Amino acid sequence: MIYAKILDGAVVRYPYTRADLQADNPHTSFPVELAAEVLADFGVVPVQPTAAPSYDPLTQSVAEDLPALVGGEWQQQWVIRAATPAEVIERSAAIRSTLVEAVQGHLDATARSKNYDGILSLASYAASNNPPFAAEGRAGADWRDAVWLHCYGVLDDVTNGLRPVPSVEALIAELPEMVWPPAA
C-alpha cells in the first residue's frame, strides 16, 4: 500500500512508508496490520493507485504528482509535461534505433527460418545459378525492400507527428509479410 503524510489537508510527504511512520514515531509500537484509524491518528492516509494517463513518449513525459483528495479518498495523480526540443531529438533517435533494430531482427529471423544466415545472405542468393535459391533470394530482396520502405515511412510519420510511436510488436505486425516462392 502507498501512503501519504497529511497536515491540515495538505500533502507534506509522499510517498510515505511504514518505515517512515516508525522513524517519525520511534517510541510507538505499531500493529502488523495498520488500520485506517491507526494511520489517521498519525496523519497518514492510504493512497489509491490510478492508471497513468496515455501520452506521446516522443513529445511528452508522464510523472507521478502529489496525491489529491477525490470523492473522500486520496488518489494517485499524474502530470504530463512537454518534452524539451533536446529531449525530443534524443528520444526520436532512441525510438528510431529501437524500431530499426527490431525490424532488422525480424528480417534476419525470417531468413533464418529457411536456413539462411540472415536477410543479407538470403538476398545475395538472387544472383544464384540455382533456380530455387535464386527465386528465394529475389523474393527475399523484394520483401526486404518493401519492409524497409514501410518502416521508414512509419518513422517519418512519427517524426512529423502524423501518428503515435508504435510498439515494436505493432510495427512488426503491420509490416508486409514474406511470401516464399513455391517449392520446386
N, C-alpha and C. Protein backbone atom coordinates (compact mmCIF):
# COMPACT_ATOMS: atom_id res chain seq x y z
N MET A 1 0.85 -1.18 0.00
CA MET A 1 0.00 0.00 0.00
C MET A 1 0.89 1.24 0.00
N ILE A 2 0.45 2.24 -0.70
CA ILE A 2 1.15 3.53 -0.76
C ILE A 2 0.45 4.46 0.23
N TYR A 3 1.25 5.26 0.95
CA TYR A 3 0.68 6.19 1.92
C TYR A 3 1.18 7.61 1.66
N ALA A 4 0.47 8.56 2.24
CA ALA A 4 0.90 9.96 2.23
C ALA A 4 0.75 10.50 3.64
N LYS A 5 1.61 11.43 4.01
CA LYS A 5 1.52 12.14 5.29
C LYS A 5 0.79 13.44 5.00
N ILE A 6 -0.30 13.68 5.74
CA ILE A 6 -1.16 14.84 5.52
C ILE A 6 -1.15 15.73 6.76
N LEU A 7 -1.06 17.04 6.55
CA LEU A 7 -1.14 18.00 7.64
C LEU A 7 -2.03 19.15 7.18
N ASP A 8 -3.09 19.40 7.94
CA ASP A 8 -4.06 20.45 7.61
C ASP A 8 -4.59 20.31 6.19
N GLY A 9 -4.85 19.06 5.79
CA GLY A 9 -5.45 18.80 4.48
C GLY A 9 -4.49 18.87 3.31
N ALA A 10 -3.20 19.06 3.58
CA ALA A 10 -2.20 19.15 2.51
C ALA A 10 -1.18 18.02 2.63
N VAL A 11 -0.71 17.54 1.50
CA VAL A 11 0.31 16.51 1.48
C VAL A 11 1.64 17.14 1.90
N VAL A 12 2.25 16.57 2.94
CA VAL A 12 3.55 17.07 3.39
C VAL A 12 4.67 16.09 3.06
N ARG A 13 4.31 14.84 2.81
CA ARG A 13 5.33 13.86 2.43
C ARG A 13 4.67 12.74 1.64
N TYR A 14 5.23 12.48 0.47
CA TYR A 14 4.73 11.41 -0.39
C TYR A 14 5.86 10.93 -1.28
N PRO A 15 6.03 9.68 -1.45
CA PRO A 15 5.31 8.62 -0.74
C PRO A 15 5.79 8.53 0.71
N TYR A 16 4.96 7.93 1.50
CA TYR A 16 5.23 7.77 2.93
C TYR A 16 5.07 6.30 3.23
N THR A 17 6.08 5.71 3.85
CA THR A 17 6.08 4.26 4.09
C THR A 17 5.90 3.94 5.56
N ARG A 18 5.71 2.67 5.82
CA ARG A 18 5.63 2.19 7.21
C ARG A 18 6.93 2.52 7.93
N ALA A 19 8.06 2.36 7.25
CA ALA A 19 9.36 2.68 7.85
C ALA A 19 9.43 4.17 8.22
N ASP A 20 8.86 5.03 7.37
CA ASP A 20 8.82 6.47 7.68
C ASP A 20 7.99 6.71 8.93
N LEU A 21 6.85 6.03 9.04
CA LEU A 21 5.97 6.18 10.20
C LEU A 21 6.71 5.76 11.47
N GLN A 22 7.42 4.65 11.41
CA GLN A 22 8.14 4.18 12.58
C GLN A 22 9.31 5.11 12.92
N ALA A 23 9.99 5.63 11.90
CA ALA A 23 11.11 6.54 12.14
C ALA A 23 10.61 7.86 12.76
N ASP A 24 9.44 8.32 12.31
CA ASP A 24 8.88 9.56 12.84
C ASP A 24 8.31 9.38 14.25
N ASN A 25 8.05 8.13 14.63
CA ASN A 25 7.43 7.83 15.93
C ASN A 25 8.21 6.68 16.59
N PRO A 26 9.46 6.91 16.97
CA PRO A 26 10.31 5.82 17.46
C PRO A 26 9.85 5.20 18.78
N HIS A 27 9.01 5.89 19.53
CA HIS A 27 8.58 5.36 20.82
C HIS A 27 7.17 4.76 20.75
N THR A 28 6.73 4.49 19.54
CA THR A 28 5.40 3.92 19.35
C THR A 28 5.54 2.54 18.72
N SER A 29 4.78 1.60 19.26
CA SER A 29 4.75 0.25 18.71
C SER A 29 3.50 0.13 17.83
N PHE A 30 3.68 -0.23 16.59
CA PHE A 30 2.56 -0.32 15.65
C PHE A 30 2.20 -1.78 15.40
N PRO A 31 0.91 -2.05 15.22
CA PRO A 31 0.50 -3.42 14.90
C PRO A 31 0.99 -3.81 13.50
N VAL A 32 1.02 -5.11 13.24
CA VAL A 32 1.45 -5.61 11.93
C VAL A 32 0.55 -5.04 10.84
N GLU A 33 -0.73 -5.12 11.04
CA GLU A 33 -1.70 -4.56 10.09
C GLU A 33 -2.05 -3.15 10.53
N LEU A 34 -1.78 -2.20 9.67
CA LEU A 34 -2.05 -0.80 10.00
C LEU A 34 -3.48 -0.44 9.57
N ALA A 35 -4.37 -0.34 10.54
CA ALA A 35 -5.76 0.02 10.24
C ALA A 35 -5.83 1.51 9.90
N ALA A 36 -6.82 1.89 9.12
CA ALA A 36 -7.01 3.28 8.70
C ALA A 36 -7.11 4.20 9.91
N GLU A 37 -7.74 3.72 10.98
CA GLU A 37 -7.90 4.55 12.18
C GLU A 37 -6.55 4.83 12.84
N VAL A 38 -5.68 3.82 12.88
CA VAL A 38 -4.36 4.00 13.46
C VAL A 38 -3.56 4.99 12.63
N LEU A 39 -3.60 4.82 11.32
CA LEU A 39 -2.88 5.72 10.42
C LEU A 39 -3.38 7.15 10.57
N ALA A 40 -4.70 7.31 10.64
CA ALA A 40 -5.29 8.64 10.74
C ALA A 40 -4.81 9.37 12.00
N ASP A 41 -4.61 8.62 13.07
CA ASP A 41 -4.11 9.24 14.31
C ASP A 41 -2.74 9.89 14.12
N PHE A 42 -2.00 9.44 13.12
CA PHE A 42 -0.67 9.97 12.85
C PHE A 42 -0.62 10.81 11.57
N GLY A 43 -1.80 11.16 11.06
CA GLY A 43 -1.86 11.98 9.85
C GLY A 43 -1.44 11.27 8.59
N VAL A 44 -1.60 9.96 8.58
CA VAL A 44 -1.19 9.16 7.42
C VAL A 44 -2.44 8.59 6.75
N VAL A 45 -2.48 8.66 5.44
CA VAL A 45 -3.63 8.15 4.70
C VAL A 45 -3.16 7.20 3.60
N PRO A 46 -3.98 6.18 3.31
CA PRO A 46 -3.65 5.33 2.17
C PRO A 46 -3.94 6.10 0.88
N VAL A 47 -3.14 5.84 -0.13
CA VAL A 47 -3.33 6.48 -1.43
C VAL A 47 -3.71 5.40 -2.43
N GLN A 48 -4.85 5.58 -3.06
CA GLN A 48 -5.34 4.61 -4.04
C GLN A 48 -4.59 4.80 -5.36
N PRO A 49 -4.03 3.73 -5.88
CA PRO A 49 -3.32 3.86 -7.16
C PRO A 49 -4.29 4.12 -8.30
N THR A 50 -3.84 4.85 -9.29
CA THR A 50 -4.61 5.10 -10.51
C THR A 50 -3.70 4.82 -11.70
N ALA A 51 -4.30 4.55 -12.83
CA ALA A 51 -3.52 4.27 -14.04
C ALA A 51 -2.90 5.57 -14.56
N ALA A 52 -1.68 5.45 -15.03
CA ALA A 52 -1.04 6.61 -15.65
C ALA A 52 -1.78 6.94 -16.94
N PRO A 53 -1.92 8.21 -17.26
CA PRO A 53 -2.61 8.58 -18.49
C PRO A 53 -1.77 8.23 -19.72
N SER A 54 -2.43 8.09 -20.84
CA SER A 54 -1.69 7.86 -22.07
C SER A 54 -1.02 9.17 -22.49
N TYR A 55 0.09 9.04 -23.15
CA TYR A 55 0.85 10.21 -23.56
C TYR A 55 1.72 9.82 -24.74
N ASP A 56 2.24 10.81 -25.44
CA ASP A 56 3.13 10.58 -26.58
C ASP A 56 4.56 10.51 -26.05
N PRO A 57 5.19 9.33 -26.05
CA PRO A 57 6.53 9.22 -25.47
C PRO A 57 7.59 10.00 -26.24
N LEU A 58 7.27 10.44 -27.44
CA LEU A 58 8.22 11.23 -28.20
C LEU A 58 8.24 12.68 -27.74
N THR A 59 7.05 13.23 -27.47
CA THR A 59 6.96 14.67 -27.18
C THR A 59 6.54 15.00 -25.77
N GLN A 60 6.25 13.98 -24.96
CA GLN A 60 5.77 14.22 -23.61
C GLN A 60 6.42 13.26 -22.62
N SER A 61 6.34 13.64 -21.35
CA SER A 61 6.73 12.76 -20.24
C SER A 61 5.58 12.72 -19.26
N VAL A 62 5.44 11.61 -18.59
CA VAL A 62 4.43 11.50 -17.55
C VAL A 62 5.16 11.18 -16.25
N ALA A 63 4.74 11.83 -15.19
CA ALA A 63 5.36 11.61 -13.88
C ALA A 63 4.28 11.62 -12.82
N GLU A 64 4.57 10.94 -11.74
CA GLU A 64 3.64 10.92 -10.63
C GLU A 64 3.67 12.28 -9.93
N ASP A 65 2.51 12.78 -9.59
CA ASP A 65 2.36 14.04 -8.88
C ASP A 65 1.93 13.73 -7.45
N LEU A 66 1.71 14.75 -6.65
CA LEU A 66 1.20 14.53 -5.30
C LEU A 66 -0.23 14.01 -5.37
N PRO A 67 -0.61 13.14 -4.46
CA PRO A 67 -1.98 12.64 -4.46
C PRO A 67 -2.97 13.76 -4.15
N ALA A 68 -4.21 13.53 -4.53
CA ALA A 68 -5.27 14.51 -4.29
C ALA A 68 -6.47 13.80 -3.66
N LEU A 69 -7.22 14.57 -2.88
CA LEU A 69 -8.43 14.05 -2.25
C LEU A 69 -9.55 14.12 -3.28
N VAL A 70 -10.03 12.95 -3.68
CA VAL A 70 -11.07 12.85 -4.71
C VAL A 70 -12.19 11.96 -4.17
N GLY A 71 -13.37 12.52 -4.06
CA GLY A 71 -14.50 11.73 -3.58
C GLY A 71 -14.28 11.11 -2.22
N GLY A 72 -13.57 11.78 -1.35
CA GLY A 72 -13.37 11.29 0.01
C GLY A 72 -12.19 10.35 0.18
N GLU A 73 -11.45 10.06 -0.90
CA GLU A 73 -10.26 9.21 -0.76
C GLU A 73 -9.08 9.87 -1.48
N TRP A 74 -7.91 9.60 -0.94
CA TRP A 74 -6.70 10.14 -1.55
C TRP A 74 -6.33 9.24 -2.72
N GLN A 75 -6.11 9.87 -3.89
CA GLN A 75 -5.80 9.12 -5.10
C GLN A 75 -4.48 9.60 -5.72
N GLN A 76 -3.78 8.66 -6.28
CA GLN A 76 -2.56 8.94 -7.01
C GLN A 76 -2.89 9.85 -8.19
N GLN A 77 -2.03 10.83 -8.43
CA GLN A 77 -2.23 11.77 -9.53
C GLN A 77 -1.02 11.75 -10.45
N TRP A 78 -1.24 12.18 -11.68
CA TRP A 78 -0.19 12.18 -12.69
C TRP A 78 -0.14 13.55 -13.35
N VAL A 79 1.03 13.89 -13.85
CA VAL A 79 1.20 15.13 -14.59
C VAL A 79 1.94 14.79 -15.89
N ILE A 80 1.46 15.40 -16.97
CA ILE A 80 2.12 15.24 -18.27
C ILE A 80 2.80 16.56 -18.59
N ARG A 81 4.06 16.47 -18.99
CA ARG A 81 4.76 17.69 -19.37
C ARG A 81 5.33 17.52 -20.77
N ALA A 82 5.46 18.63 -21.45
CA ALA A 82 6.04 18.62 -22.79
C ALA A 82 7.54 18.38 -22.71
N ALA A 83 8.04 17.60 -23.62
CA ALA A 83 9.48 17.36 -23.69
C ALA A 83 10.16 18.59 -24.28
N THR A 84 11.38 18.81 -23.88
CA THR A 84 12.16 19.91 -24.46
C THR A 84 12.57 19.50 -25.88
N PRO A 85 12.93 20.46 -26.71
CA PRO A 85 13.40 20.10 -28.06
C PRO A 85 14.58 19.12 -28.02
N ALA A 86 15.49 19.30 -27.08
CA ALA A 86 16.62 18.38 -26.97
C ALA A 86 16.15 16.97 -26.61
N GLU A 87 15.17 16.88 -25.71
CA GLU A 87 14.63 15.57 -25.34
C GLU A 87 13.94 14.91 -26.53
N VAL A 88 13.22 15.69 -27.32
CA VAL A 88 12.54 15.13 -28.49
C VAL A 88 13.57 14.56 -29.46
N ILE A 89 14.64 15.29 -29.69
CA ILE A 89 15.69 14.80 -30.59
C ILE A 89 16.31 13.51 -30.05
N GLU A 90 16.61 13.51 -28.76
CA GLU A 90 17.21 12.32 -28.14
C GLU A 90 16.25 11.13 -28.18
N ARG A 91 15.00 11.37 -27.84
CA ARG A 91 14.01 10.28 -27.85
C ARG A 91 13.76 9.78 -29.25
N SER A 92 13.70 10.70 -30.21
CA SER A 92 13.46 10.31 -31.60
C SER A 92 14.56 9.38 -32.07
N ALA A 93 15.79 9.71 -31.76
CA ALA A 93 16.92 8.86 -32.15
C ALA A 93 16.84 7.51 -31.46
N ALA A 94 16.50 7.50 -30.19
CA ALA A 94 16.41 6.23 -29.45
C ALA A 94 15.26 5.37 -29.97
N ILE A 95 14.12 5.99 -30.22
CA ILE A 95 12.97 5.24 -30.75
C ILE A 95 13.30 4.69 -32.12
N ARG A 96 13.88 5.53 -32.96
CA ARG A 96 14.25 5.11 -34.31
C ARG A 96 15.22 3.92 -34.24
N SER A 97 16.21 4.01 -33.38
CA SER A 97 17.19 2.94 -33.24
C SER A 97 16.53 1.64 -32.78
N THR A 98 15.67 1.74 -31.78
CA THR A 98 14.98 0.55 -31.26
C THR A 98 14.13 -0.10 -32.33
N LEU A 99 13.36 0.70 -33.06
CA LEU A 99 12.47 0.14 -34.08
C LEU A 99 13.26 -0.42 -35.25
N VAL A 100 14.31 0.26 -35.67
CA VAL A 100 15.13 -0.23 -36.78
C VAL A 100 15.79 -1.55 -36.39
N GLU A 101 16.33 -1.64 -35.18
CA GLU A 101 16.93 -2.90 -34.71
C GLU A 101 15.91 -4.03 -34.70
N ALA A 102 14.69 -3.74 -34.27
CA ALA A 102 13.65 -4.76 -34.22
C ALA A 102 13.28 -5.23 -35.62
N VAL A 103 13.18 -4.30 -36.55
CA VAL A 103 12.83 -4.67 -37.93
C VAL A 103 13.97 -5.50 -38.54
N GLN A 104 15.20 -5.09 -38.30
CA GLN A 104 16.34 -5.87 -38.80
C GLN A 104 16.32 -7.28 -38.22
N GLY A 105 16.03 -7.39 -36.94
CA GLY A 105 15.92 -8.70 -36.30
C GLY A 105 14.82 -9.55 -36.91
N HIS A 106 13.70 -8.91 -37.23
CA HIS A 106 12.58 -9.62 -37.87
C HIS A 106 12.99 -10.13 -39.25
N LEU A 107 13.65 -9.29 -40.04
CA LEU A 107 14.12 -9.70 -41.36
C LEU A 107 15.08 -10.89 -41.25
N ASP A 108 16.04 -10.76 -40.34
CA ASP A 108 17.03 -11.83 -40.18
C ASP A 108 16.40 -13.13 -39.67
N ALA A 109 15.48 -13.03 -38.71
CA ALA A 109 14.83 -14.23 -38.16
C ALA A 109 14.00 -14.94 -39.24
N THR A 110 13.34 -14.16 -40.07
CA THR A 110 12.54 -14.77 -41.15
C THR A 110 13.44 -15.50 -42.12
N ALA A 111 14.58 -14.89 -42.50
CA ALA A 111 15.52 -15.54 -43.40
C ALA A 111 16.10 -16.81 -42.76
N ARG A 112 16.41 -16.72 -41.46
CA ARG A 112 16.96 -17.90 -40.76
C ARG A 112 15.95 -19.05 -40.70
N SER A 113 14.67 -18.72 -40.77
CA SER A 113 13.66 -19.79 -40.74
C SER A 113 13.78 -20.72 -41.94
N LYS A 114 14.49 -20.28 -42.98
CA LYS A 114 14.74 -21.12 -44.17
C LYS A 114 16.23 -21.45 -44.29
N ASN A 115 16.93 -21.37 -43.17
CA ASN A 115 18.34 -21.77 -43.07
C ASN A 115 19.33 -20.82 -43.74
N TYR A 116 18.95 -19.58 -43.96
CA TYR A 116 19.90 -18.57 -44.41
C TYR A 116 20.51 -17.92 -43.16
N ASP A 117 21.68 -17.34 -43.29
CA ASP A 117 22.33 -16.70 -42.14
C ASP A 117 21.57 -15.46 -41.68
N GLY A 118 20.88 -14.82 -42.59
CA GLY A 118 20.13 -13.60 -42.30
C GLY A 118 19.59 -13.05 -43.61
N ILE A 119 19.00 -11.87 -43.55
CA ILE A 119 18.39 -11.30 -44.75
C ILE A 119 19.43 -10.97 -45.81
N LEU A 120 20.61 -10.53 -45.41
CA LEU A 120 21.66 -10.22 -46.38
C LEU A 120 22.06 -11.49 -47.14
N SER A 121 22.21 -12.57 -46.42
CA SER A 121 22.55 -13.85 -47.05
C SER A 121 21.44 -14.28 -48.00
N LEU A 122 20.21 -14.19 -47.54
CA LEU A 122 19.07 -14.58 -48.39
C LEU A 122 19.05 -13.75 -49.67
N ALA A 123 19.14 -12.44 -49.55
CA ALA A 123 19.06 -11.57 -50.72
C ALA A 123 20.22 -11.81 -51.68
N SER A 124 21.37 -12.22 -51.16
CA SER A 124 22.52 -12.46 -52.04
C SER A 124 22.27 -13.63 -52.99
N TYR A 125 21.36 -14.52 -52.64
CA TYR A 125 21.05 -15.65 -53.49
C TYR A 125 20.22 -15.27 -54.71
N ALA A 126 19.79 -14.03 -54.82
CA ALA A 126 19.06 -13.59 -56.02
C ALA A 126 19.91 -13.77 -57.27
N ALA A 127 21.24 -13.74 -57.10
CA ALA A 127 22.16 -13.90 -58.24
C ALA A 127 22.62 -15.35 -58.41
N SER A 128 22.02 -16.27 -57.68
CA SER A 128 22.44 -17.66 -57.74
C SER A 128 22.10 -18.28 -59.09
N ASN A 129 22.90 -19.26 -59.50
CA ASN A 129 22.62 -20.04 -60.71
C ASN A 129 21.64 -21.17 -60.43
N ASN A 130 21.34 -21.41 -59.16
CA ASN A 130 20.40 -22.45 -58.77
C ASN A 130 19.01 -21.82 -58.74
N PRO A 131 18.10 -22.24 -59.63
CA PRO A 131 16.79 -21.57 -59.73
C PRO A 131 15.99 -21.49 -58.42
N PRO A 132 15.92 -22.54 -57.61
CA PRO A 132 15.16 -22.38 -56.35
C PRO A 132 15.80 -21.35 -55.41
N PHE A 133 17.14 -21.37 -55.31
CA PHE A 133 17.81 -20.38 -54.46
C PHE A 133 17.62 -18.98 -55.03
N ALA A 134 17.72 -18.85 -56.34
CA ALA A 134 17.56 -17.54 -56.97
C ALA A 134 16.15 -17.00 -56.73
N ALA A 135 15.15 -17.86 -56.80
CA ALA A 135 13.76 -17.42 -56.57
C ALA A 135 13.57 -16.97 -55.13
N GLU A 136 14.13 -17.74 -54.19
CA GLU A 136 14.03 -17.33 -52.78
C GLU A 136 14.81 -16.03 -52.54
N GLY A 137 15.98 -15.92 -53.14
CA GLY A 137 16.78 -14.71 -52.98
C GLY A 137 16.07 -13.48 -53.54
N ARG A 138 15.44 -13.61 -54.72
CA ARG A 138 14.72 -12.48 -55.31
C ARG A 138 13.51 -12.12 -54.43
N ALA A 139 12.79 -13.13 -53.96
CA ALA A 139 11.63 -12.87 -53.08
C ALA A 139 12.10 -12.20 -51.79
N GLY A 140 13.23 -12.66 -51.25
CA GLY A 140 13.76 -12.06 -50.02
C GLY A 140 14.19 -10.61 -50.23
N ALA A 141 14.85 -10.33 -51.35
CA ALA A 141 15.28 -8.96 -51.64
C ALA A 141 14.08 -8.04 -51.83
N ASP A 142 13.07 -8.53 -52.55
CA ASP A 142 11.87 -7.72 -52.77
C ASP A 142 11.15 -7.45 -51.44
N TRP A 143 11.07 -8.49 -50.62
CA TRP A 143 10.40 -8.34 -49.31
C TRP A 143 11.17 -7.38 -48.43
N ARG A 144 12.49 -7.53 -48.38
CA ARG A 144 13.33 -6.62 -47.59
C ARG A 144 13.09 -5.17 -47.99
N ASP A 145 13.05 -4.92 -49.31
CA ASP A 145 12.83 -3.55 -49.79
C ASP A 145 11.46 -3.03 -49.35
N ALA A 146 10.43 -3.88 -49.44
CA ALA A 146 9.07 -3.46 -49.05
C ALA A 146 8.99 -3.19 -47.55
N VAL A 147 9.68 -4.02 -46.78
CA VAL A 147 9.68 -3.85 -45.32
C VAL A 147 10.34 -2.53 -44.94
N TRP A 148 11.52 -2.26 -45.51
CA TRP A 148 12.21 -1.02 -45.15
C TRP A 148 11.45 0.20 -45.64
N LEU A 149 10.84 0.11 -46.82
CA LEU A 149 10.05 1.23 -47.32
C LEU A 149 8.90 1.54 -46.34
N HIS A 150 8.24 0.50 -45.85
CA HIS A 150 7.15 0.70 -44.89
C HIS A 150 7.68 1.23 -43.56
N CYS A 151 8.75 0.61 -43.07
CA CYS A 151 9.32 1.01 -41.78
C CYS A 151 9.72 2.48 -41.79
N TYR A 152 10.46 2.90 -42.79
CA TYR A 152 10.91 4.29 -42.82
C TYR A 152 9.76 5.26 -43.04
N GLY A 153 8.71 4.82 -43.73
CA GLY A 153 7.51 5.65 -43.85
C GLY A 153 6.85 5.86 -42.49
N VAL A 154 6.78 4.80 -41.69
CA VAL A 154 6.23 4.90 -40.34
C VAL A 154 7.08 5.84 -39.50
N LEU A 155 8.39 5.68 -39.55
CA LEU A 155 9.28 6.53 -38.76
C LEU A 155 9.16 7.99 -39.18
N ASP A 156 9.03 8.25 -40.46
CA ASP A 156 8.84 9.64 -40.92
C ASP A 156 7.51 10.19 -40.40
N ASP A 157 6.45 9.37 -40.43
CA ASP A 157 5.15 9.82 -39.92
C ASP A 157 5.23 10.13 -38.43
N VAL A 158 5.95 9.31 -37.68
CA VAL A 158 6.12 9.55 -36.24
C VAL A 158 6.88 10.85 -36.02
N THR A 159 7.97 11.02 -36.74
CA THR A 159 8.79 12.23 -36.60
C THR A 159 7.99 13.49 -36.94
N ASN A 160 7.10 13.37 -37.92
CA ASN A 160 6.31 14.53 -38.34
C ASN A 160 5.01 14.68 -37.56
N GLY A 161 4.84 13.87 -36.53
CA GLY A 161 3.65 13.99 -35.67
C GLY A 161 2.37 13.51 -36.32
N LEU A 162 2.47 12.71 -37.37
CA LEU A 162 1.27 12.22 -38.08
C LEU A 162 0.69 10.96 -37.47
N ARG A 163 1.47 10.31 -36.61
CA ARG A 163 0.98 9.11 -35.92
C ARG A 163 1.78 8.91 -34.65
N PRO A 164 1.20 8.21 -33.70
CA PRO A 164 1.95 7.94 -32.46
C PRO A 164 3.05 6.90 -32.71
N VAL A 165 3.96 6.83 -31.78
CA VAL A 165 5.04 5.85 -31.86
C VAL A 165 4.43 4.46 -31.67
N PRO A 166 4.64 3.56 -32.63
CA PRO A 166 4.12 2.20 -32.44
C PRO A 166 5.05 1.40 -31.52
N SER A 167 4.49 0.42 -30.87
CA SER A 167 5.34 -0.51 -30.12
C SER A 167 6.09 -1.36 -31.14
N VAL A 168 7.13 -2.03 -30.71
CA VAL A 168 7.87 -2.92 -31.60
C VAL A 168 6.92 -3.96 -32.18
N GLU A 169 6.08 -4.53 -31.32
CA GLU A 169 5.16 -5.57 -31.76
C GLU A 169 4.18 -5.04 -32.80
N ALA A 170 3.67 -3.83 -32.57
CA ALA A 170 2.71 -3.25 -33.51
C ALA A 170 3.36 -2.96 -34.86
N LEU A 171 4.58 -2.45 -34.83
CA LEU A 171 5.27 -2.17 -36.09
C LEU A 171 5.53 -3.46 -36.86
N ILE A 172 6.02 -4.48 -36.19
CA ILE A 172 6.30 -5.77 -36.85
C ILE A 172 5.00 -6.33 -37.45
N ALA A 173 3.90 -6.19 -36.72
CA ALA A 173 2.62 -6.73 -37.19
C ALA A 173 2.12 -6.03 -38.45
N GLU A 174 2.48 -4.78 -38.65
CA GLU A 174 1.98 -4.06 -39.82
C GLU A 174 2.93 -4.13 -41.02
N LEU A 175 4.06 -4.77 -40.85
CA LEU A 175 5.00 -4.89 -41.98
C LEU A 175 4.47 -5.87 -43.02
N PRO A 176 4.87 -5.70 -44.28
CA PRO A 176 4.50 -6.69 -45.29
C PRO A 176 5.02 -8.07 -44.89
N GLU A 177 4.29 -9.08 -45.26
CA GLU A 177 4.70 -10.45 -44.94
C GLU A 177 5.57 -11.03 -46.04
N MET A 178 6.49 -11.88 -45.65
CA MET A 178 7.34 -12.57 -46.62
C MET A 178 6.50 -13.64 -47.29
N VAL A 179 6.55 -13.66 -48.61
CA VAL A 179 5.88 -14.71 -49.38
C VAL A 179 6.98 -15.51 -50.07
N TRP A 180 7.19 -16.71 -49.57
CA TRP A 180 8.21 -17.57 -50.13
C TRP A 180 7.71 -18.16 -51.46
N PRO A 181 8.59 -18.27 -52.44
CA PRO A 181 8.16 -18.88 -53.71
C PRO A 181 7.82 -20.35 -53.48
N PRO A 182 6.95 -20.89 -54.32
CA PRO A 182 6.60 -22.31 -54.16
C PRO A 182 7.84 -23.19 -54.34
N ALA A 183 7.87 -24.26 -53.59
CA ALA A 183 9.00 -25.20 -53.69
C ALA A 183 9.00 -25.83 -55.08
N ALA A 184 10.20 -25.99 -55.62
CA ALA A 184 10.31 -26.55 -56.98
C ALA A 184 10.15 -28.05 -56.96
